[in-house]
Amino acid sequence: MKYKVKNRIWLEGDNGTFLGNGRIELLYHIHHTGSIKKAAKKLKMSYRKAWSLLDSMNKQAKEVYLIKSSGGSGGGGTEVTEAGLRAIENFKKLDQKCQHFLNEELKKMDF
């Protein structure tokens, strides 16, 4: 029988969870939709929950990940900053490296 290693990683700071798959997916969808509301809906998450996660990230990050603009003639929206885009990229790389490492270790074991 062939086995697979399943894992989930997340980064924790002094104030709890900083980044994880859900938060990264939220940032990704905000980047592509320009909207917290649309991103939250796509992830089947309430706007309030999404805003809470984003606020927690922004408070713990070295740089701001999101810039939110209010309504008006342009309608407002949310933009993921360069720091936010780097966070998405770096987290995905870290996740891939962890999965690769675990798969290689599994090959060395006999169950």
C-alpha atoms as a PDB file:
ATOM      1  CA  MET A   1       0.000   0.000   0.000  1.00  0.00           C
ATOM      2  CA  LYS A   2       1.237   3.470  -0.857  1.00  0.00           C
ATOM      3  CA  TYR A   3       0.904   6.191   1.759  1.00  0.00           C
ATOM      4  CA  LYS A   4       0.810   9.969   1.594  1.00  0.00           C
ATOM      5  CA  VAL A   5       1.889  12.433   4.239  1.00  0.00           C
ATOM      6  CA  LYS A   6      -0.721  15.105   4.934  1.00  0.00           C
ATOM      7  CA  ASN A   7       0.266  18.256   6.724  1.00  0.00           C
ATOM      8  CA  ARG A   8      -0.813  21.817   7.412  1.00  0.00           C
ATOM      9  CA  ILE A   9       1.562  24.524   8.417  1.00  0.00           C
ATOM     10  CA  TRP A  10       0.986  27.916   9.942  1.00  0.00           C
ATOM     11  CA  LEU A  11       3.111  30.649  11.409  1.00  0.00           C
ATOM     12  CA  GLU A  12       2.510  31.872  14.927  1.00  0.00           C
ATOM     13  CA  GLY A  13       3.577  35.134  16.464  1.00  0.00           C
ATOM     14  CA  ASP A  14       3.384  36.422  20.017  1.00  0.00           C
ATOM     15  CA  ASN A  15      -0.329  37.107  19.500  1.00  0.00           C
ATOM     16  CA  GLY A  16      -1.298  33.731  18.051  1.00  0.00           C
ATOM     17  CA  THR A  17      -1.705  32.620  14.451  1.00  0.00           C
ATOM     18  CA  PHE A  18      -0.102  34.975  11.955  1.00  0.00           C
ATOM     19  CA  LEU A  19      -0.351  33.116   8.631  1.00  0.00           C
ATOM     20  CA  GLY A  20      -1.865  29.839   7.533  1.00  0.00           C
ATOM     21  CA  ASN A  21      -3.487  28.349   4.438  1.00  0.00           C
ATOM     22  CA  GLY A  22      -6.834  30.032   5.067  1.00  0.00           C
ATOM     23  CA  ARG A  23      -5.342  33.476   5.558  1.00  0.00           C
ATOM     24  CA  ILE A  24      -3.146  33.094   2.488  1.00  0.00           C
ATOM     25  CA  GLU A  25      -6.147  32.005   0.392  1.00  0.00           C
ATOM     26  CA  LEU A  26      -8.046  35.042   1.670  1.00  0.00           C
ATOM     27  CA  LEU A  27      -5.214  37.374   0.627  1.00  0.00           C
ATOM     28  CA  TYR A  28      -4.986  35.636  -2.751  1.00  0.00           C
ATOM     29  CA  HIS A  29      -8.699  36.075  -3.469  1.00  0.00           C
ATOM     30  CA  ILE A  30      -8.668  39.697  -2.319  1.00  0.00           C
ATOM     31  CA  HIS A  31      -5.800  40.326  -4.717  1.00  0.00           C
ATOM     32  CA  HIS A  32      -7.816  38.858  -7.592  1.00  0.00           C
ATOM     33  CA  THR A  33     -11.203  40.385  -6.734  1.00  0.00           C
ATOM     34  CA  GLY A  34     -10.199  43.662  -5.073  1.00  0.00           C
ATOM     35  CA  SER A  35     -12.836  42.980  -2.441  1.00  0.00           C
ATOM     36  CA  ILE A  36     -12.859  41.495   1.055  1.00  0.00           C
ATOM     37  CA  LYS A  37     -16.572  40.730   0.671  1.00  0.00           C
ATOM     38  CA  LYS A  38     -16.105  38.811  -2.599  1.00  0.00           C
ATOM     39  CA  ALA A  39     -13.070  36.941  -1.271  1.00  0.00           C
ATOM     40  CA  ALA A  40     -14.916  35.975   1.916  1.00  0.00           C
ATOM     41  CA  LYS A  41     -17.912  34.767  -0.085  1.00  0.00           C
ATOM     42  CA  LYS A  42     -15.652  32.666  -2.328  1.00  0.00           C
ATOM     43  CA  LEU A  43     -14.206  31.014   0.796  1.00  0.00           C
ATOM     44  CA  LYS A  44     -17.661  30.598   2.414  1.00  0.00           C
ATOM     45  CA  MET A  45     -16.608  32.882   5.262  1.00  0.00           C
ATOM     46  CA  SER A  46     -18.442  35.793   6.822  1.00  0.00           C
ATOM     47  CA  TYR A  47     -17.161  39.290   6.137  1.00  0.00           C
ATOM     48  CA  ARG A  48     -16.701  39.754   9.879  1.00  0.00           C
ATOM     49  CA  LYS A  49     -14.523  36.632  10.154  1.00  0.00           C
ATOM     50  CA  ALA A  50     -12.480  37.684   7.110  1.00  0.00           C
ATOM     51  CA  TRP A  51     -11.955  41.174   8.515  1.00  0.00           C
ATOM     52  CA  SER A  52     -10.881  39.721  11.879  1.00  0.00           C
ATOM     53  CA  LEU A  53      -8.272  37.486  10.200  1.00  0.00           C
ATOM     54  CA  LEU A  54      -6.985  40.340   8.043  1.00  0.00           C
ATOM     55  CA  ASP A  55      -6.800  42.737  10.971  1.00  0.00           C
ATOM     56  CA  SER A  56      -4.809  40.170  12.956  1.00  0.00           C
ATOM     57  CA  MET A  57      -2.386  39.700  10.037  1.00  0.00           C
ATOM     58  CA  ASN A  58      -1.904  43.412   9.503  1.00  0.00           C
ATOM     59  CA  LYS A  59      -1.216  43.982  13.206  1.00  0.00           C
ATOM     60  CA  GLN A  60       1.411  41.214  13.333  1.00  0.00           C
ATOM     61  CA  ALA A  61       3.125  41.833   9.989  1.00  0.00           C
ATOM     62  CA  LYS A  62       6.292  43.904   9.661  1.00  0.00           C
ATOM     63  CA  GLU A  63       4.590  45.760   6.802  1.00  0.00           C
ATOM     64  CA  VAL A  64       0.905  46.314   6.017  1.00  0.00           C
ATOM     65  CA  TYR A  65      -0.564  43.590   3.778  1.00  0.00           C
ATOM     66  CA  LEU A  66      -3.760  45.403   2.780  1.00  0.00           C
ATOM     67  CA  ILE A  67      -4.868  48.896   1.918  1.00  0.00           C
ATOM     68  CA  LYS A  68      -8.616  49.427   2.166  1.00  0.00           C
ATOM     69  CA  SER A  69     -10.273  52.384   0.484  1.00  0.00           C
ATOM     70  CA  SER A  70     -13.763  53.582   1.363  1.00  0.00           C
ATOM     71  CA  GLY A  71     -16.607  53.915  -1.116  1.00  0.00           C
ATOM     72  CA  GLY A  72     -17.281  57.034  -3.091  1.00  0.00           C
ATOM     73  CA  SER A  73     -17.299  57.535  -6.840  1.00  0.00           C
ATOM     74  CA  GLY A  74     -14.773  54.711  -7.334  1.00  0.00           C
ATOM     75  CA  GLY A  75     -16.758  52.363  -5.105  1.00  0.00           C
ATOM     76  CA  GLY A  76     -13.886  51.589  -2.762  1.00  0.00           C
ATOM     77  CA  GLY A  77     -12.097  48.283  -2.538  1.00  0.00           C
ATOM     78  CA  THR A  78      -9.109  46.562  -1.020  1.00  0.00           C
ATOM     79  CA  GLU A  79      -5.631  46.215  -2.448  1.00  0.00           C
ATOM     80  CA  VAL A  80      -3.031  43.647  -1.430  1.00  0.00           C
ATOM     81  CA  THR A  81       0.313  45.412  -1.012  1.00  0.00           C
ATOM     82  CA  GLU A  82       3.685  44.215  -2.307  1.00  0.00           C
ATOM     83  CA  ALA A  83       4.374  42.909   1.207  1.00  0.00           C
ATOM     84  CA  GLY A  84       1.114  40.948   1.072  1.00  0.00           C
ATOM     85  CA  LEU A  85       1.997  39.482  -2.314  1.00  0.00           C
ATOM     86  CA  ARG A  86       5.426  38.458  -0.976  1.00  0.00           C
ATOM     87  CA  ALA A  87       3.711  36.808   1.991  1.00  0.00           C
ATOM     88  CA  ILE A  88       1.536  34.745  -0.372  1.00  0.00           C
ATOM     89  CA  GLU A  89       4.538  33.691  -2.446  1.00  0.00           C
ATOM     90  CA  ASN A  90       6.798  32.939   0.527  1.00  0.00           C
ATOM     91  CA  PHE A  91       4.156  30.976   2.414  1.00  0.00           C
ATOM     92  CA  LYS A  92       3.375  28.841  -0.640  1.00  0.00           C
ATOM     93  CA  LYS A  93       7.103  28.141  -1.129  1.00  0.00           C
ATOM     94  CA  LEU A  94       7.465  27.160   2.523  1.00  0.00           C
ATOM     95  CA  ASP A  95       4.426  24.891   2.299  1.00  0.00           C
ATOM     96  CA  GLN A  96       5.779  23.186  -0.847  1.00  0.00           C
ATOM     97  CA  LYS A  97       9.208  22.686   0.727  1.00  0.00           C
ATOM     98  CA  CYS A  98       7.670  21.156   3.847  1.00  0.00           C
ATOM     99  CA  GLN A  99       5.542  18.791   1.772  1.00  0.00           C
ATOM    100  CA  HIS A 100       8.538  17.780  -0.352  1.00  0.00           C
ATOM    101  CA  PHE A 101      10.634  17.129   2.766  1.00  0.00           C
ATOM    102  CA  LEU A 102       7.908  14.991   4.340  1.00  0.00           C
ATOM    103  CA  ASN A 103       7.400  12.984   1.145  1.00  0.00           C
ATOM    104  CA  GLU A 104      11.143  12.312   0.898  1.00  0.00           C
ATOM    105  CA  GLU A 105      11.259  11.201   4.541  1.00  0.00           C
ATOM    106  CA  LEU A 106       8.288   8.906   4.009  1.00  0.00           C
ATOM    107  CA  LYS A 107      10.114   7.150   1.158  1.00  0.00           C
ATOM    108  CA  LYS A 108      12.827   6.145   3.652  1.00  0.00           C
ATOM    109  CA  MET A 109      10.372   4.477   6.031  1.00  0.00           C
ATOM    110  CA  ASP A 110       8.693   1.107   6.057  1.00  0.00           C
ATOM    111  CA  PHE A 111       5.223   0.791   7.585  1.00  0.00           C
END
